[in-house]
N, C-alpha and C. Protein backbone atom coordinates (compact mmCIF):
# COMPACT_ATOMS: atom_id res chain seq x y z
N MET A 1 172.89 100.07 201.85
CA MET A 1 174.12 99.29 201.74
C MET A 1 173.88 98.09 200.83
N ASN A 2 174.83 97.83 199.97
CA ASN A 2 174.73 96.70 199.05
C ASN A 2 174.83 95.40 199.84
N ASN A 3 173.93 94.46 199.57
CA ASN A 3 173.97 93.19 200.29
C ASN A 3 174.71 92.11 199.51
N ILE A 4 175.53 92.49 198.52
CA ILE A 4 176.33 91.55 197.74
C ILE A 4 177.81 91.77 198.08
N ALA A 5 178.49 90.69 198.35
CA ALA A 5 179.94 90.75 198.58
C ALA A 5 180.63 89.80 197.60
N TYR A 6 181.90 90.04 197.42
CA TYR A 6 182.67 89.27 196.43
C TYR A 6 183.81 88.56 197.15
N ARG A 7 183.70 87.25 197.21
CA ARG A 7 184.64 86.45 198.00
C ARG A 7 185.91 86.17 197.20
N PHE A 8 186.99 86.03 197.95
CA PHE A 8 188.27 85.69 197.33
C PHE A 8 188.99 84.65 198.19
N ARG A 9 189.85 83.92 197.55
CA ARG A 9 190.62 82.90 198.26
C ARG A 9 191.65 83.60 199.16
N PRO A 10 191.68 83.27 200.44
CA PRO A 10 192.58 84.01 201.33
C PRO A 10 194.06 83.83 201.00
N GLU A 11 194.43 82.68 200.48
CA GLU A 11 195.84 82.44 200.20
C GLU A 11 196.35 83.22 198.99
N THR A 12 195.51 83.37 197.99
CA THR A 12 195.96 83.97 196.72
C THR A 12 195.22 85.24 196.35
N GLY A 13 194.08 85.52 196.99
CA GLY A 13 193.26 86.65 196.60
C GLY A 13 192.40 86.40 195.39
N GLU A 14 192.42 85.17 194.88
CA GLU A 14 191.67 84.84 193.65
C GLU A 14 190.16 84.93 193.89
N TYR A 15 189.46 85.54 192.96
CA TYR A 15 188.01 85.70 193.05
C TYR A 15 187.32 84.35 193.03
N LEU A 16 186.38 84.17 193.97
CA LEU A 16 185.67 82.90 194.08
C LEU A 16 184.20 83.00 193.70
N GLY A 17 183.64 84.20 193.75
CA GLY A 17 182.24 84.34 193.40
C GLY A 17 181.53 85.31 194.33
N ALA A 18 180.33 85.69 193.91
CA ALA A 18 179.52 86.64 194.69
C ALA A 18 178.66 85.89 195.70
N VAL A 19 178.44 86.51 196.85
CA VAL A 19 177.56 85.93 197.87
C VAL A 19 176.59 87.01 198.34
N GLN A 20 175.43 86.58 198.78
CA GLN A 20 174.45 87.52 199.34
C GLN A 20 174.64 87.56 200.85
N LEU A 21 174.82 88.76 201.38
CA LEU A 21 175.07 88.91 202.81
C LEU A 21 173.77 88.77 203.60
N GLN A 22 173.92 88.30 204.84
CA GLN A 22 172.77 88.19 205.74
C GLN A 22 172.55 89.52 206.46
N GLU A 23 171.28 89.88 206.61
CA GLU A 23 170.96 91.14 207.28
C GLU A 23 171.30 91.05 208.76
N ASN A 24 171.82 92.12 209.29
CA ASN A 24 172.15 92.19 210.72
C ASN A 24 170.86 92.50 211.47
N TRP A 25 170.38 91.50 212.20
CA TRP A 25 169.09 91.69 212.89
C TRP A 25 169.17 92.76 213.99
N LYS A 26 170.41 93.02 214.45
CA LYS A 26 170.57 94.05 215.49
C LYS A 26 170.48 95.44 214.88
N GLU A 27 170.89 95.55 213.61
CA GLU A 27 170.86 96.86 212.95
C GLU A 27 170.19 96.68 211.58
N PRO A 28 168.87 96.68 211.55
CA PRO A 28 168.16 96.50 210.27
C PRO A 28 168.67 97.47 209.21
N GLY A 29 168.77 96.95 208.00
CA GLY A 29 169.28 97.75 206.89
C GLY A 29 170.78 97.65 206.72
N THR A 30 171.44 96.95 207.66
CA THR A 30 172.87 96.67 207.51
C THR A 30 173.05 95.17 207.37
N TYR A 31 174.25 94.78 206.97
CA TYR A 31 174.47 93.36 206.67
C TYR A 31 175.75 92.88 207.34
N LEU A 32 175.71 91.60 207.71
CA LEU A 32 176.87 91.00 208.35
C LEU A 32 177.96 90.75 207.31
N PRO A 33 179.19 91.11 207.59
CA PRO A 33 180.25 90.90 206.61
C PRO A 33 180.55 89.41 206.44
N ALA A 34 181.00 89.07 205.26
CA ALA A 34 181.43 87.69 204.97
C ALA A 34 182.94 87.65 205.02
N ALA A 35 183.46 86.55 205.51
CA ALA A 35 184.92 86.39 205.60
C ALA A 35 185.53 86.39 204.20
N ASN A 36 186.71 86.97 204.12
CA ASN A 36 187.48 86.96 202.87
C ASN A 36 186.64 87.48 201.70
N SER A 37 186.09 88.67 201.88
CA SER A 37 185.26 89.24 200.83
C SER A 37 185.44 90.75 200.81
N THR A 38 184.95 91.37 199.75
CA THR A 38 184.96 92.81 199.60
C THR A 38 183.68 93.23 198.89
N ASN A 39 183.28 94.47 199.08
CA ASN A 39 182.10 94.96 198.37
C ASN A 39 182.46 95.59 197.03
N ILE A 40 183.74 95.51 196.67
CA ILE A 40 184.19 96.02 195.37
C ILE A 40 184.01 94.91 194.33
N ALA A 41 183.28 95.20 193.29
CA ALA A 41 183.04 94.18 192.26
C ALA A 41 184.32 93.95 191.45
N PRO A 42 184.61 92.69 191.13
CA PRO A 42 185.81 92.41 190.36
C PRO A 42 185.61 92.77 188.88
N PRO A 43 186.69 93.01 188.17
CA PRO A 43 186.57 93.28 186.73
C PRO A 43 186.30 91.99 185.97
N GLU A 44 185.81 92.13 184.75
CA GLU A 44 185.64 90.96 183.89
C GLU A 44 187.00 90.44 183.48
N THR A 45 187.12 89.15 183.44
CA THR A 45 188.40 88.54 183.06
C THR A 45 188.37 88.11 181.60
N GLY A 46 189.53 88.16 180.98
CA GLY A 46 189.66 87.66 179.61
C GLY A 46 190.17 86.23 179.63
N GLU A 47 190.51 85.75 178.45
CA GLU A 47 191.03 84.39 178.34
C GLU A 47 192.35 84.29 179.09
N GLN A 48 192.47 83.22 179.86
CA GLN A 48 193.69 82.94 180.63
C GLN A 48 194.02 84.09 181.58
N GLN A 49 192.96 84.61 182.25
CA GLN A 49 193.13 85.63 183.27
C GLN A 49 192.30 85.26 184.49
N ALA A 50 192.73 85.75 185.64
CA ALA A 50 191.97 85.61 186.88
C ALA A 50 191.98 86.95 187.58
N ALA A 51 190.88 87.25 188.30
CA ALA A 51 190.81 88.47 189.10
C ALA A 51 191.35 88.15 190.50
N VAL A 52 192.28 88.98 190.97
CA VAL A 52 192.93 88.75 192.27
C VAL A 52 192.80 90.03 193.10
N PHE A 53 192.32 89.88 194.33
CA PHE A 53 192.17 91.03 195.24
C PHE A 53 193.44 91.18 196.05
N ASP A 54 194.03 92.38 195.99
CA ASP A 54 195.31 92.60 196.68
C ASP A 54 195.16 93.27 198.03
N GLY A 55 193.94 93.34 198.52
CA GLY A 55 193.67 93.98 199.81
C GLY A 55 193.00 95.32 199.67
N THR A 56 193.19 95.97 198.53
CA THR A 56 192.54 97.26 198.30
C THR A 56 191.80 97.31 196.96
N SER A 57 192.25 96.55 195.99
CA SER A 57 191.61 96.57 194.67
C SER A 57 191.84 95.23 193.97
N TRP A 58 191.11 95.05 192.87
CA TRP A 58 191.25 93.83 192.07
C TRP A 58 192.31 94.04 190.99
N GLN A 59 193.08 93.00 190.75
CA GLN A 59 194.08 93.03 189.69
C GLN A 59 193.81 91.85 188.75
N LEU A 60 194.05 92.06 187.48
CA LEU A 60 193.95 90.96 186.51
C LEU A 60 195.32 90.29 186.41
N VAL A 61 195.32 88.98 186.65
CA VAL A 61 196.57 88.21 186.70
C VAL A 61 196.48 87.08 185.68
N ALA A 62 197.59 86.80 185.04
CA ALA A 62 197.63 85.68 184.10
C ALA A 62 197.30 84.37 184.81
N ASP A 63 196.53 83.54 184.14
CA ASP A 63 196.09 82.27 184.74
C ASP A 63 196.27 81.15 183.73
N TYR A 64 197.34 80.39 183.89
CA TYR A 64 197.62 79.26 183.00
C TYR A 64 197.50 77.92 183.73
N ARG A 65 196.85 77.96 184.88
CA ARG A 65 196.73 76.71 185.65
C ARG A 65 195.98 75.64 184.87
N ASN A 66 196.36 74.40 185.16
CA ASN A 66 195.75 73.22 184.53
C ASN A 66 196.00 73.16 183.03
N GLN A 67 196.93 73.97 182.55
CA GLN A 67 197.34 73.87 181.16
C GLN A 67 198.73 73.27 181.10
N ALA A 68 198.94 72.51 180.06
CA ALA A 68 200.27 71.93 179.88
C ALA A 68 201.21 72.97 179.29
N CYS A 69 202.43 72.94 179.73
CA CYS A 69 203.45 73.77 179.11
C CYS A 69 204.68 72.91 178.89
N TRP A 70 205.54 73.39 178.05
CA TRP A 70 206.72 72.62 177.67
C TRP A 70 207.98 73.41 177.99
N LEU A 71 208.97 72.70 178.47
CA LEU A 71 210.27 73.29 178.73
C LEU A 71 211.11 73.22 177.47
N ALA A 72 212.23 73.91 177.51
CA ALA A 72 213.10 73.95 176.33
C ALA A 72 213.62 72.58 175.94
N ASP A 73 213.73 71.66 176.91
CA ASP A 73 214.23 70.32 176.60
C ASP A 73 213.15 69.40 176.06
N GLY A 74 211.93 69.93 175.89
CA GLY A 74 210.83 69.15 175.33
C GLY A 74 209.98 68.44 176.36
N SER A 75 210.37 68.50 177.64
CA SER A 75 209.57 67.85 178.68
C SER A 75 208.33 68.69 178.98
N GLN A 76 207.31 68.02 179.47
CA GLN A 76 206.01 68.65 179.70
C GLN A 76 205.76 68.76 181.20
N GLN A 77 205.13 69.85 181.61
CA GLN A 77 204.75 69.99 183.00
C GLN A 77 203.44 70.78 183.08
N ALA A 78 202.74 70.61 184.20
CA ALA A 78 201.48 71.31 184.42
C ALA A 78 201.75 72.54 185.27
N ILE A 79 201.05 73.62 185.00
CA ILE A 79 201.19 74.87 185.75
C ILE A 79 200.18 74.84 186.90
N ALA A 80 200.66 75.07 188.09
CA ALA A 80 199.81 74.93 189.27
C ALA A 80 199.45 76.26 189.92
N GLU A 81 200.14 77.35 189.58
CA GLU A 81 199.94 78.61 190.29
C GLU A 81 199.56 79.73 189.33
N LEU A 82 198.89 80.75 189.89
CA LEU A 82 198.58 81.95 189.12
C LEU A 82 199.85 82.69 188.76
N GLY A 83 199.79 83.46 187.68
CA GLY A 83 200.92 84.29 187.31
C GLY A 83 201.39 83.98 185.90
N PRO A 84 202.37 84.75 185.45
CA PRO A 84 202.87 84.54 184.08
C PRO A 84 203.55 83.19 183.94
N LEU A 85 203.74 82.79 182.70
CA LEU A 85 204.43 81.53 182.45
C LEU A 85 205.84 81.58 183.04
N PRO A 86 206.27 80.50 183.66
CA PRO A 86 207.65 80.47 184.16
C PRO A 86 208.64 80.68 183.02
N ASP A 87 209.78 81.26 183.33
CA ASP A 87 210.81 81.47 182.33
C ASP A 87 211.19 80.16 181.67
N GLY A 88 211.39 80.22 180.38
CA GLY A 88 211.84 79.04 179.65
C GLY A 88 210.75 78.05 179.32
N THR A 89 209.46 78.44 179.50
CA THR A 89 208.37 77.54 179.17
C THR A 89 207.52 78.12 178.06
N SER A 90 206.76 77.26 177.41
CA SER A 90 205.89 77.68 176.31
C SER A 90 204.64 76.83 176.32
N LEU A 91 203.53 77.43 175.87
CA LEU A 91 202.27 76.67 175.75
C LEU A 91 202.25 75.83 174.48
N LYS A 92 203.19 76.10 173.59
CA LYS A 92 203.24 75.34 172.35
C LYS A 92 204.22 74.17 172.50
N PRO A 93 203.77 72.96 172.14
CA PRO A 93 204.70 71.83 172.24
C PRO A 93 205.83 71.97 171.23
N PRO A 94 206.98 71.45 171.56
CA PRO A 94 208.09 71.51 170.59
C PRO A 94 207.77 70.64 169.39
N PRO A 95 208.33 70.94 168.24
CA PRO A 95 208.10 70.09 167.07
C PRO A 95 208.63 68.69 167.32
N PRO A 96 207.99 67.69 166.75
CA PRO A 96 208.48 66.32 166.95
C PRO A 96 209.87 66.16 166.36
N SER A 97 210.62 65.26 166.93
CA SER A 97 211.96 64.98 166.42
C SER A 97 211.86 64.24 165.09
N MET A 98 212.95 64.17 164.38
CA MET A 98 212.97 63.44 163.11
C MET A 98 212.67 61.96 163.35
N ASP A 99 213.17 61.41 164.43
CA ASP A 99 212.89 60.00 164.74
C ASP A 99 211.40 59.79 164.98
N GLU A 100 210.77 60.74 165.67
CA GLU A 100 209.33 60.62 165.92
C GLU A 100 208.54 60.74 164.62
N LEU A 101 208.95 61.64 163.75
CA LEU A 101 208.26 61.79 162.46
C LEU A 101 208.42 60.52 161.62
N ARG A 102 209.62 59.96 161.61
CA ARG A 102 209.82 58.73 160.82
C ARG A 102 209.00 57.58 161.41
N ALA A 103 208.97 57.49 162.72
CA ALA A 103 208.18 56.43 163.35
C ALA A 103 206.70 56.59 163.01
N ALA A 104 206.21 57.83 163.00
CA ALA A 104 204.80 58.06 162.67
C ALA A 104 204.51 57.70 161.22
N ALA A 105 205.44 58.01 160.32
CA ALA A 105 205.26 57.66 158.91
C ALA A 105 205.27 56.15 158.72
N LEU A 106 206.21 55.48 159.36
CA LEU A 106 206.29 54.01 159.24
C LEU A 106 205.06 53.34 159.83
N ALA A 107 204.50 53.94 160.86
CA ALA A 107 203.32 53.34 161.50
C ALA A 107 202.11 53.34 160.59
N GLN A 108 202.11 54.16 159.54
CA GLN A 108 200.99 54.19 158.60
C GLN A 108 201.03 53.04 157.60
N LEU A 109 202.19 52.44 157.43
CA LEU A 109 202.35 51.45 156.35
C LEU A 109 201.57 50.17 156.55
N PRO A 110 201.52 49.58 157.75
CA PRO A 110 200.74 48.34 157.89
C PRO A 110 199.26 48.50 157.52
N ASP A 111 198.65 49.60 157.96
CA ASP A 111 197.24 49.80 157.62
C ASP A 111 197.06 50.02 156.13
N TRP A 112 198.00 50.76 155.52
CA TRP A 112 197.92 50.97 154.07
C TRP A 112 198.01 49.63 153.34
N GLU A 113 198.95 48.80 153.74
CA GLU A 113 199.11 47.50 153.08
C GLU A 113 197.86 46.64 153.25
N ALA A 114 197.32 46.60 154.47
CA ALA A 114 196.13 45.80 154.71
C ALA A 114 194.95 46.28 153.88
N SER A 115 194.81 47.61 153.78
CA SER A 115 193.72 48.18 152.99
C SER A 115 193.86 47.83 151.52
N GLU A 116 195.07 47.93 151.00
CA GLU A 116 195.30 47.61 149.59
C GLU A 116 195.04 46.13 149.31
N ARG A 117 195.45 45.29 150.22
CA ARG A 117 195.24 43.85 150.01
C ARG A 117 193.77 43.48 150.05
N MET A 118 192.96 44.27 150.73
CA MET A 118 191.52 43.99 150.84
C MET A 118 190.71 44.70 149.76
N ALA A 119 191.38 45.48 148.90
CA ALA A 119 190.66 46.35 147.98
C ALA A 119 190.06 45.63 146.78
N GLY A 120 190.41 44.38 146.58
CA GLY A 120 189.90 43.64 145.42
C GLY A 120 190.82 43.79 144.22
N ILE A 121 190.50 43.04 143.15
CA ILE A 121 191.34 43.05 141.96
C ILE A 121 190.47 42.91 140.72
N ASP A 122 190.82 43.64 139.68
CA ASP A 122 190.12 43.53 138.40
C ASP A 122 190.81 42.47 137.55
N HIS A 123 190.01 41.54 137.05
CA HIS A 123 190.58 40.45 136.25
C HIS A 123 189.48 39.87 135.36
N GLY A 124 189.79 39.74 134.09
CA GLY A 124 188.86 39.08 133.18
C GLY A 124 187.53 39.79 133.05
N GLY A 125 187.51 41.12 133.22
CA GLY A 125 186.27 41.86 133.07
C GLY A 125 185.41 41.91 134.32
N SER A 126 185.90 41.36 135.42
CA SER A 126 185.16 41.39 136.68
C SER A 126 186.10 41.86 137.79
N THR A 127 185.48 42.31 138.88
CA THR A 127 186.24 42.66 140.09
C THR A 127 186.05 41.55 141.10
N TRP A 128 187.16 41.10 141.70
CA TRP A 128 187.13 39.95 142.59
C TRP A 128 187.58 40.35 143.99
N LEU A 129 186.97 39.72 144.97
CA LEU A 129 187.36 39.97 146.35
C LEU A 129 188.77 39.45 146.61
N THR A 130 189.50 40.17 147.45
CA THR A 130 190.84 39.70 147.85
C THR A 130 190.95 39.68 149.37
N THR A 131 189.83 39.44 150.04
CA THR A 131 189.86 39.28 151.49
C THR A 131 190.57 37.96 151.82
N PRO A 132 191.05 37.79 153.04
CA PRO A 132 191.68 36.51 153.39
C PRO A 132 190.79 35.31 153.11
N ALA A 133 189.50 35.43 153.40
CA ALA A 133 188.58 34.30 153.16
C ALA A 133 188.45 34.02 151.67
N ALA A 134 188.36 35.09 150.84
CA ALA A 134 188.23 34.89 149.40
C ALA A 134 189.48 34.25 148.82
N LEU A 135 190.64 34.68 149.26
CA LEU A 135 191.89 34.09 148.77
C LEU A 135 192.02 32.64 149.22
N GLN A 136 191.57 32.35 150.43
CA GLN A 136 191.62 30.96 150.90
C GLN A 136 190.71 30.07 150.05
N ASP A 137 189.56 30.58 149.64
CA ASP A 137 188.67 29.80 148.77
C ASP A 137 189.37 29.45 147.46
N ILE A 138 190.08 30.44 146.89
CA ILE A 138 190.79 30.17 145.63
C ILE A 138 191.87 29.12 145.85
N ARG A 139 192.64 29.26 146.93
CA ARG A 139 193.69 28.27 147.21
C ARG A 139 193.10 26.88 147.38
N ASP A 140 191.99 26.79 148.10
CA ASP A 140 191.38 25.47 148.32
C ASP A 140 190.94 24.84 147.01
N ALA A 141 190.35 25.66 146.14
CA ALA A 141 189.90 25.12 144.86
C ALA A 141 191.08 24.67 144.01
N LEU A 142 192.15 25.43 144.03
CA LEU A 142 193.33 25.06 143.25
C LEU A 142 193.98 23.80 143.80
N LEU A 143 194.01 23.66 145.13
CA LEU A 143 194.57 22.45 145.73
C LEU A 143 193.73 21.22 145.38
N ALA A 144 192.41 21.46 145.30
CA ALA A 144 191.51 20.35 144.94
C ALA A 144 191.54 20.07 143.44
N GLY A 145 192.07 21.03 142.67
CA GLY A 145 192.15 20.84 141.22
C GLY A 145 190.79 20.92 140.55
N MET A 146 189.88 21.72 141.11
CA MET A 146 188.55 21.78 140.52
C MET A 146 187.89 23.10 140.90
N VAL A 147 186.94 23.52 140.02
CA VAL A 147 186.11 24.68 140.30
C VAL A 147 184.68 24.17 140.47
N PRO A 148 184.18 24.13 141.71
CA PRO A 148 182.86 23.55 141.93
C PRO A 148 181.79 24.22 141.07
N GLY A 149 181.12 23.40 140.26
CA GLY A 149 180.03 23.89 139.41
C GLY A 149 180.51 24.71 138.23
N GLY A 150 181.83 24.87 138.07
CA GLY A 150 182.36 25.67 136.97
C GLY A 150 181.97 27.14 137.05
N MET A 151 181.68 27.60 138.27
CA MET A 151 181.26 28.99 138.47
C MET A 151 182.03 29.59 139.65
N TRP A 152 182.15 30.91 139.61
CA TRP A 152 182.77 31.63 140.74
C TRP A 152 182.03 32.95 140.91
N VAL A 153 181.86 33.39 142.14
CA VAL A 153 181.11 34.61 142.42
C VAL A 153 182.08 35.78 142.56
N ASP A 154 181.82 36.86 141.78
CA ASP A 154 182.72 38.01 141.84
C ASP A 154 182.32 38.96 142.97
N ALA A 155 183.02 40.08 143.10
CA ALA A 155 182.80 41.00 144.21
C ALA A 155 181.41 41.61 144.23
N SER A 156 180.77 41.69 143.07
CA SER A 156 179.43 42.26 143.00
C SER A 156 178.34 41.25 143.33
N GLY A 157 178.75 39.98 143.49
CA GLY A 157 177.78 38.92 143.74
C GLY A 157 177.32 38.22 142.48
N ALA A 158 177.85 38.63 141.32
CA ALA A 158 177.47 37.98 140.06
C ALA A 158 178.17 36.63 139.94
N VAL A 159 177.47 35.67 139.39
CA VAL A 159 178.03 34.34 139.16
C VAL A 159 178.68 34.32 137.79
N VAL A 160 179.98 34.02 137.76
CA VAL A 160 180.76 34.08 136.53
C VAL A 160 181.27 32.69 136.18
N PRO A 161 181.10 32.26 134.91
CA PRO A 161 181.68 30.96 134.52
C PRO A 161 183.19 30.96 134.77
N MET A 162 183.71 29.86 135.32
CA MET A 162 185.13 29.81 135.69
C MET A 162 185.66 28.40 135.47
N THR A 163 186.70 28.31 134.66
CA THR A 163 187.40 27.04 134.50
C THR A 163 188.60 27.02 135.44
N LEU A 164 189.22 25.84 135.57
CA LEU A 164 190.40 25.75 136.43
C LEU A 164 191.53 26.63 135.90
N PRO A 165 191.82 26.65 134.59
CA PRO A 165 192.85 27.59 134.10
C PRO A 165 192.49 29.05 134.36
N ASP A 166 191.18 29.36 134.25
CA ASP A 166 190.75 30.73 134.56
C ASP A 166 191.07 31.07 136.02
N LEU A 167 190.79 30.13 136.92
CA LEU A 167 191.03 30.37 138.35
C LEU A 167 192.52 30.47 138.63
N GLN A 168 193.31 29.64 137.91
CA GLN A 168 194.76 29.74 138.08
C GLN A 168 195.27 31.11 137.62
N SER A 169 194.69 31.62 136.55
CA SER A 169 195.09 32.94 136.06
C SER A 169 194.69 34.03 137.06
N LEU A 170 193.49 33.91 137.64
CA LEU A 170 193.06 34.87 138.66
C LEU A 170 194.00 34.82 139.86
N TRP A 171 194.36 33.61 140.25
CA TRP A 171 195.26 33.47 141.40
C TRP A 171 196.62 34.09 141.11
N ALA A 172 197.11 33.91 139.91
CA ALA A 172 198.40 34.49 139.54
C ALA A 172 198.35 36.02 139.64
N ASP A 173 197.22 36.60 139.21
CA ASP A 173 197.08 38.06 139.33
C ASP A 173 197.01 38.50 140.79
N CYS A 174 196.33 37.70 141.61
CA CYS A 174 196.25 38.02 143.04
C CYS A 174 197.62 37.99 143.69
N VAL A 175 198.39 36.95 143.35
CA VAL A 175 199.74 36.84 143.90
C VAL A 175 200.59 38.02 143.43
N GLY A 176 200.49 38.33 142.13
CA GLY A 176 201.27 39.45 141.60
C GLY A 176 200.90 40.76 142.27
N ARG A 177 199.61 40.98 142.49
CA ARG A 177 199.18 42.22 143.15
C ARG A 177 199.68 42.25 144.60
N GLY A 178 199.55 41.13 145.30
CA GLY A 178 200.01 41.09 146.68
C GLY A 178 201.51 41.36 146.78
N THR A 179 202.27 40.78 145.84
CA THR A 179 203.71 41.02 145.83
C THR A 179 204.01 42.49 145.56
N GLY A 180 203.26 43.07 144.61
CA GLY A 180 203.46 44.48 144.30
C GLY A 180 203.17 45.38 145.48
N ILE A 181 202.11 45.05 146.22
CA ILE A 181 201.76 45.85 147.40
C ILE A 181 202.88 45.78 148.43
N TYR A 182 203.38 44.57 148.68
CA TYR A 182 204.44 44.43 149.68
C TYR A 182 205.71 45.12 149.25
N GLN A 183 206.05 45.00 147.97
CA GLN A 183 207.25 45.67 147.48
C GLN A 183 207.10 47.19 147.58
N ARG A 184 205.91 47.70 147.33
CA ARG A 184 205.68 49.14 147.46
C ARG A 184 205.84 49.56 148.92
N ARG A 185 205.36 48.74 149.84
CA ARG A 185 205.55 49.06 151.27
C ARG A 185 207.03 49.13 151.61
N LEU A 186 207.80 48.17 151.14
CA LEU A 186 209.24 48.18 151.41
C LEU A 186 209.90 49.42 150.82
N ALA A 187 209.48 49.80 149.60
CA ALA A 187 210.06 50.98 148.96
C ALA A 187 209.73 52.24 149.75
N MET A 188 208.50 52.34 150.25
CA MET A 188 208.14 53.52 151.04
C MET A 188 208.93 53.56 152.35
N ALA A 189 209.12 52.40 152.97
CA ALA A 189 209.89 52.36 154.22
C ALA A 189 211.32 52.83 153.98
N ALA A 190 211.89 52.42 152.86
CA ALA A 190 213.26 52.84 152.53
C ALA A 190 213.31 54.34 152.25
N ALA A 191 212.29 54.86 151.58
CA ALA A 191 212.26 56.29 151.27
C ALA A 191 212.10 57.13 152.53
N ILE A 192 211.32 56.64 153.48
CA ILE A 192 211.09 57.37 154.72
C ILE A 192 212.41 57.63 155.45
N ALA A 193 213.32 56.69 155.36
CA ALA A 193 214.58 56.81 156.08
C ALA A 193 215.39 58.03 155.66
N SER A 194 215.18 58.51 154.44
CA SER A 194 215.97 59.65 153.96
C SER A 194 215.13 60.89 153.70
N MET A 195 213.87 60.88 154.12
CA MET A 195 213.00 62.04 153.89
C MET A 195 213.39 63.21 154.77
N THR A 196 213.12 64.42 154.28
CA THR A 196 213.31 65.63 155.06
C THR A 196 212.12 65.82 156.01
N ARG A 197 212.23 66.78 156.92
CA ARG A 197 211.13 67.07 157.83
C ARG A 197 209.87 67.47 157.06
N ALA A 198 210.04 68.31 156.03
CA ALA A 198 208.89 68.75 155.25
C ALA A 198 208.22 67.56 154.56
N GLN A 199 209.02 66.65 154.03
CA GLN A 199 208.45 65.48 153.36
C GLN A 199 207.73 64.57 154.35
N LEU A 200 208.32 64.39 155.51
CA LEU A 200 207.70 63.54 156.52
C LEU A 200 206.39 64.14 157.01
N ASN A 201 206.34 65.46 157.15
CA ASN A 201 205.11 66.11 157.60
C ASN A 201 203.96 65.90 156.61
N LYS A 202 204.28 65.76 155.33
CA LYS A 202 203.25 65.62 154.30
C LYS A 202 203.04 64.17 153.88
N PHE A 203 203.80 63.25 154.44
CA PHE A 203 203.78 61.86 153.94
C PHE A 203 202.42 61.20 154.12
N THR A 204 201.96 60.60 153.04
CA THR A 204 200.78 59.75 153.03
C THR A 204 201.10 58.52 152.19
N PRO A 205 200.89 57.32 152.70
CA PRO A 205 201.21 56.13 151.90
C PRO A 205 200.40 56.10 150.61
N GLY A 206 200.99 55.58 149.57
CA GLY A 206 200.30 55.48 148.29
C GLY A 206 201.20 54.90 147.23
N TRP A 207 200.75 55.01 145.99
CA TRP A 207 201.49 54.39 144.89
C TRP A 207 202.38 55.40 144.15
N SER A 208 202.34 56.65 144.57
CA SER A 208 203.19 57.64 143.89
C SER A 208 204.06 58.37 144.90
């Protein structure tokens, strides 16, 4: 006699695992039965399947438990029981609404603007930092009406001769670039309002 039994959940018949039976000391060579078990081995299960014992044999049953499903109205619910998907439900989430797509596109703009403002600027044959601290240094020097030591350090760390008119010209370019970045953000926000679903799905902030 086989000393392996296959346990199942009494409420649902769901396979729980194999157990080794204890030998019956009164009848050597026989084994004590285990509760809620059978000596019939369950079949192998596939994806999203469970083996269920119906009292005489094992059946393969759909198993979507602990998976999210969506109703036709877009609401989400968890599946708690064995069996096929309830009518009117799907494992695939509904596509986002147009309002959700527009909100997602608009949410990309602040980071894009911040990144562009921090990207630096080319001016006078050098690349200059445009971080908040770097711009504050330029403003402070312009307010003081002087360029300390007649030098300024560019983004590469090189020391570049700089006069006050040179610094004013650099500042003008920084202001112009910052204005251009903000205007581009506003233009993208306006365009998003009239984009199609396909355009919103592909939207990436940029200059084109």
